[in-house]
């Protein structure tokens, strides 16, 4: 008899202990969320128990079950996964739920008048700004019937951390811990009857959901690229998931892409890739860097932008990264010269230059009197070109060296082109005038010498004839020498 009594005591003690343990915040983290709500009465699964522990009530989730649920007992949470939107104000999606109490269907029910929603994160009581004491309390008042809602709960999780002790009245927290991606948020529902002959808190329902970080990351493998030196720009991404479940209030769910990637050339606004839904939670793509992506315009925006769009609820900002596009190092034109220095119309003129740095090509442009007489690109190792000065007037030669798409400053030199005259033309001040001037000089000097000396007119005429012959001889001799 004593052994039977001892066995009963042990069984009762074990039942009470199990009832405490199943709802205890001291338990370690759960391995994955059990997102299918379950009802209990003081820790005993699904039912109204018999005897002195029986109050003829049972918990039931107000939210609809998914068709695939193993237990059709309703859900406390509206979703099985909550994605965080830790951006501008750090809010998550809204966490909403409700539980009701049902009559067991036999015998009189002792209806509760108070309800408590206790929240746990990975098995530890969860204190936060919206739930500073770790639970929601509902005063049900005098309730009757066989299907009584316990009241809605609703809150947001803000930030990456939560309090492990109650939040003080001024909103500060003395002890915090990280909210980790994949954490399990659990709600335990307790009810009590504080009236005459009532009962203390009875554990009647539990539901869980998984907390997932919706924060994704997108980045380039380099902060900047040099066009024509770097061939490919690599874009990397890492997201918590490639897809997410969108569920209706009836529990019907559809799989949708969580993020889409696009790469934009900011100078033109053109899309170089996408937007294309990502198919894996992490990966990379390559963007071929063609020379046309770089512009030397003063107003150009030489930059690539990667955008990871998302349609997960509550996320009001996309994830972006940028990388600059640079031209190769700029070369320098150190000098420009022309030969000959005295240029005449019709001459062949040589333009020469010297450079420093890497030069892949050179552009030369020549203008004379507003007319373009030469324009061309030559190889980077070239140092001169020639052109015909077919127009008289003032001119300028321009030389620009390029390293790929990146040009040097323009160097220039000015010059003049004189007109050309035929021999014998009185307008020609060249070789034809020198013999004539020499002959005239001899004649004039001889005349000045003979005038004071020769008084006889006949002799003077003979002297003039001799001076003329002498001047002719000088003209012939000097002209022959030239």
Foldseek 3Di string as FASTA:
>chain_A
DVVVVVVVVVVVVVLLVQLCVVPALPDAFDDAFPFQKWWDWSNHGDAADDDPSGQQKFKAWPFADAPPDPDRRHGFWQDQEWEWQCPDFQWTPKTKGWMKMFGRPDDDGDDFQKKKKAKHKRSAQWAAQQRQQRIDIAGNDDDDDGIGIRDMDIDIHGDFKTARHGQDPVRDHPHIDGDDAFIKMKIWMWTWHPDVVIGPTITTMMRIHTYHYQDKAKEWPDQADAFPVDFKIKIKIAGRFQWDWDADSNNDTDIDGFKFKWKALVQVRDTQDDSGRDPGRIDMDIGTRHLVSDDPDPPGQQKMKMWIDGDPPPNPDIHMYMHGYHYPDEKAWPDWDKPPQAAAAFDKMKIFTDIDDDFQKKWKWKDFPNRTFDTDIDGRPDGMDITHRNDFHKMKMWMWTDDRNHIYPIDMDIGGYHYDDDPPPVVDPPLNVPLVVQLVVQLVVQLVVCVVPDPDPVVNVVSNVVSNVVSVVSSVVSSVVD
